[in-house]
Amino acid sequence: MDANEEHEYSTPLPLYVEGRGPAQIIVSEYSMNTLLEAAFELNWFDFEKTMNGDALANYLAGFDQAYGSYTEAVIKATPVKGSNSLTISDHKGKTTMNCLIDMHIKNPYADDKDMNAVYL
């Protein structure tokens, strides 16, 4: 089957199977972690955002006082490879994703330099 070819299922893939009730798909924690690792490798979780001084003050105390409320700077954050894990538990149906984040706040007057860098 070609990757662009649409697969035809013998029945639709519903959330509810008529006469039988809801359909259930079970995916293992290992499978979810494998998918998560692929998403990391594809950089799906990389983050870049421009924020003003008021917002940056939440991450870097005194930024707004030093640079002003309207001064903007770029925040870049990427997960640290190999630090991710997905934990599936039965506690109130919660699933958690954990990883280290490498966060850089760029200098607003020299965008090629970090003003602050931290692992979260």
C-alpha atoms as a PDB file:
ATOM      1  CA  MET A   1       0.000   0.000   0.000  1.00  0.00           C
ATOM      2  CA  ASP A   2       1.323   3.440  -0.952  1.00  0.00           C
ATOM      3  CA  ALA A   3       1.688   5.969   1.912  1.00  0.00           C
ATOM      4  CA  ASN A   4      -0.597   8.408   0.086  1.00  0.00           C
ATOM      5  CA  GLU A   5      -3.232   5.776  -0.624  1.00  0.00           C
ATOM      6  CA  GLU A   6      -6.224   5.884   1.696  1.00  0.00           C
ATOM      7  CA  HIS A   7      -6.868   2.667   3.595  1.00  0.00           C
ATOM      8  CA  GLU A   8     -10.365   1.234   3.382  1.00  0.00           C
ATOM      9  CA  TYR A   9     -11.570  -0.395   6.579  1.00  0.00           C
ATOM     10  CA  SER A  10     -14.258  -3.077   6.513  1.00  0.00           C
ATOM     11  CA  THR A  11     -16.199  -0.960   9.013  1.00  0.00           C
ATOM     12  CA  PRO A  12     -15.767   2.652  10.119  1.00  0.00           C
ATOM     13  CA  LEU A  13     -13.597   3.262  13.176  1.00  0.00           C
ATOM     14  CA  PRO A  14     -16.199   4.640  15.562  1.00  0.00           C
ATOM     15  CA  LEU A  15     -15.981   5.544  19.207  1.00  0.00           C
ATOM     16  CA  TYR A  16     -19.199   3.592  19.573  1.00  0.00           C
ATOM     17  CA  VAL A  17     -19.930   0.224  17.991  1.00  0.00           C
ATOM     18  CA  GLU A  18     -23.655  -0.113  17.347  1.00  0.00           C
ATOM     19  CA  GLY A  19     -25.193  -2.907  19.380  1.00  0.00           C
ATOM     20  CA  ARG A  20     -21.984  -3.475  21.335  1.00  0.00           C
ATOM     21  CA  GLY A  21     -21.175  -0.194  23.083  1.00  0.00           C
ATOM     22  CA  PRO A  22     -18.124   1.996  23.127  1.00  0.00           C
ATOM     23  CA  ALA A  23     -15.011   0.892  21.273  1.00  0.00           C
ATOM     24  CA  GLN A  24     -11.806   0.725  23.246  1.00  0.00           C
ATOM     25  CA  ILE A  25      -8.298   1.101  21.906  1.00  0.00           C
ATOM     26  CA  ILE A  26      -5.524  -0.028  24.213  1.00  0.00           C
ATOM     27  CA  VAL A  27      -2.061   1.438  23.668  1.00  0.00           C
ATOM     28  CA  SER A  28       0.823   0.357  25.873  1.00  0.00           C
ATOM     29  CA  GLU A  29       3.035   2.747  27.815  1.00  0.00           C
ATOM     30  CA  TYR A  30       5.977   1.483  25.730  1.00  0.00           C
ATOM     31  CA  SER A  31       4.156   2.402  22.502  1.00  0.00           C
ATOM     32  CA  MET A  32       3.297   5.853  23.832  1.00  0.00           C
ATOM     33  CA  ASN A  33       6.920   6.431  24.870  1.00  0.00           C
ATOM     34  CA  THR A  34       8.067   5.338  21.409  1.00  0.00           C
ATOM     35  CA  LEU A  35       5.666   7.829  19.810  1.00  0.00           C
ATOM     36  CA  LEU A  36       6.809  10.506  22.242  1.00  0.00           C
ATOM     37  CA  GLU A  37      10.458   9.849  21.385  1.00  0.00           C
ATOM     38  CA  ALA A  38       9.643  10.183  17.684  1.00  0.00           C
ATOM     39  CA  ALA A  39       7.886  13.504  18.363  1.00  0.00           C
ATOM     40  CA  PHE A  40      10.996  14.733  20.202  1.00  0.00           C
ATOM     41  CA  GLU A  41      13.213  13.672  17.292  1.00  0.00           C
ATOM     42  CA  LEU A  42      10.927  15.582  14.893  1.00  0.00           C
ATOM     43  CA  ASN A  43      11.223  18.706  17.114  1.00  0.00           C
ATOM     44  CA  TRP A  44       7.461  18.894  17.615  1.00  0.00           C
ATOM     45  CA  PHE A  45       7.960  20.224  21.145  1.00  0.00           C
ATOM     46  CA  ASP A  46      10.439  22.985  20.306  1.00  0.00           C
ATOM     47  CA  PHE A  47       9.064  26.346  21.372  1.00  0.00           C
ATOM     48  CA  GLU A  48       9.919  29.921  20.428  1.00  0.00           C
ATOM     49  CA  LYS A  49       7.923  32.957  21.506  1.00  0.00           C
ATOM     50  CA  THR A  50       8.448  36.697  21.708  1.00  0.00           C
ATOM     51  CA  MET A  51       7.250  38.107  25.027  1.00  0.00           C
ATOM     52  CA  ASN A  52       7.080  41.579  26.562  1.00  0.00           C
ATOM     53  CA  GLY A  53       8.722  42.661  29.820  1.00  0.00           C
ATOM     54  CA  ASP A  54       5.662  42.033  31.983  1.00  0.00           C
ATOM     55  CA  ALA A  55       5.389  38.419  30.805  1.00  0.00           C
ATOM     56  CA  LEU A  56       9.144  37.810  31.026  1.00  0.00           C
ATOM     57  CA  ALA A  57       9.171  39.071  34.621  1.00  0.00           C
ATOM     58  CA  ASN A  58       7.324  35.843  35.508  1.00  0.00           C
ATOM     59  CA  TYR A  59      10.417  33.863  34.498  1.00  0.00           C
ATOM     60  CA  LEU A  60      13.175  36.362  35.178  1.00  0.00           C
ATOM     61  CA  ALA A  61      12.637  38.519  38.266  1.00  0.00           C
ATOM     62  CA  GLY A  62      13.197  42.218  37.651  1.00  0.00           C
ATOM     63  CA  PHE A  63      13.236  42.014  33.840  1.00  0.00           C
ATOM     64  CA  ASP A  64      10.440  44.567  33.527  1.00  0.00           C
ATOM     65  CA  GLN A  65      12.174  46.930  35.951  1.00  0.00           C
ATOM     66  CA  ALA A  66      15.500  46.699  34.122  1.00  0.00           C
ATOM     67  CA  TYR A  67      14.232  46.759  30.528  1.00  0.00           C
ATOM     68  CA  GLY A  68      10.675  48.104  30.793  1.00  0.00           C
ATOM     69  CA  SER A  69       7.273  46.498  30.412  1.00  0.00           C
ATOM     70  CA  TYR A  70       7.140  46.875  26.633  1.00  0.00           C
ATOM     71  CA  THR A  71      10.638  45.665  25.763  1.00  0.00           C
ATOM     72  CA  GLU A  72      10.382  42.352  23.959  1.00  0.00           C
ATOM     73  CA  ALA A  73      12.732  39.389  24.052  1.00  0.00           C
ATOM     74  CA  VAL A  74      12.629  35.926  22.528  1.00  0.00           C
ATOM     75  CA  ILE A  75      12.315  32.772  24.619  1.00  0.00           C
ATOM     76  CA  LYS A  76      13.499  29.520  23.058  1.00  0.00           C
ATOM     77  CA  ALA A  77      12.792  26.223  24.782  1.00  0.00           C
ATOM     78  CA  THR A  78      13.597  22.699  23.697  1.00  0.00           C
ATOM     79  CA  PRO A  79      13.272  19.395  25.516  1.00  0.00           C
ATOM     80  CA  VAL A  80      16.568  17.800  26.554  1.00  0.00           C
ATOM     81  CA  LYS A  81      16.893  14.629  24.499  1.00  0.00           C
ATOM     82  CA  GLY A  82      16.724  11.446  26.525  1.00  0.00           C
ATOM     83  CA  SER A  83      15.038  13.101  29.500  1.00  0.00           C
ATOM     84  CA  ASN A  84      11.449  12.481  28.443  1.00  0.00           C
ATOM     85  CA  SER A  85       9.093   9.951  29.928  1.00  0.00           C
ATOM     86  CA  LEU A  86       5.406   9.331  29.733  1.00  0.00           C
ATOM     87  CA  THR A  87       3.775   7.760  32.742  1.00  0.00           C
ATOM     88  CA  ILE A  88       0.354   6.214  32.502  1.00  0.00           C
ATOM     89  CA  SER A  89      -1.299   5.653  35.842  1.00  0.00           C
ATOM     90  CA  ASP A  90      -4.758   4.773  37.024  1.00  0.00           C
ATOM     91  CA  HIS A  91      -4.885   7.606  39.547  1.00  0.00           C
ATOM     92  CA  LYS A  92      -7.988   9.508  38.409  1.00  0.00           C
ATOM     93  CA  GLY A  93      -7.140   8.645  34.794  1.00  0.00           C
ATOM     94  CA  LYS A  94      -4.196  11.041  34.633  1.00  0.00           C
ATOM     95  CA  THR A  95      -1.303  10.637  32.250  1.00  0.00           C
ATOM     96  CA  THR A  96       1.802  12.747  32.748  1.00  0.00           C
ATOM     97  CA  MET A  97       4.643  13.672  30.448  1.00  0.00           C
ATOM     98  CA  ASN A  98       7.906  14.696  32.061  1.00  0.00           C
ATOM     99  CA  CYS A  99      11.104  16.044  30.570  1.00  0.00           C
ATOM    100  CA  LEU A 100      13.863  18.533  31.180  1.00  0.00           C
ATOM    101  CA  ILE A 101      13.495  21.797  29.274  1.00  0.00           C
ATOM    102  CA  ASP A 102      16.478  23.784  28.033  1.00  0.00           C
ATOM    103  CA  MET A 103      15.139  27.370  28.087  1.00  0.00           C
ATOM    104  CA  HIS A 104      17.007  30.406  26.776  1.00  0.00           C
ATOM    105  CA  ILE A 105      15.870  34.004  27.167  1.00  0.00           C
ATOM    106  CA  LYS A 106      17.609  36.031  24.491  1.00  0.00           C
ATOM    107  CA  ASN A 107      19.070  39.460  25.204  1.00  0.00           C
ATOM    108  CA  PRO A 108      16.562  42.028  23.853  1.00  0.00           C
ATOM    109  CA  TYR A 109      19.390  44.192  22.477  1.00  0.00           C
ATOM    110  CA  ALA A 110      21.621  41.387  21.172  1.00  0.00           C
ATOM    111  CA  ASP A 111      19.385  38.548  19.955  1.00  0.00           C
ATOM    112  CA  ASP A 112      22.375  36.293  19.257  1.00  0.00           C
ATOM    113  CA  LYS A 113      23.289  36.253  22.989  1.00  0.00           C
ATOM    114  CA  ASP A 114      21.502  34.593  25.884  1.00  0.00           C
ATOM    115  CA  MET A 115      20.469  36.777  28.764  1.00  0.00           C
ATOM    116  CA  ASN A 116      19.618  33.713  30.822  1.00  0.00           C
ATOM    117  CA  ALA A 117      19.623  29.965  30.228  1.00  0.00           C
ATOM    118  CA  VAL A 118      18.154  27.405  32.567  1.00  0.00           C
ATOM    119  CA  TYR A 119      17.119  23.754  32.710  1.00  0.00           C
ATOM    120  CA  LEU A 120      13.593  23.294  34.042  1.00  0.00           C
END
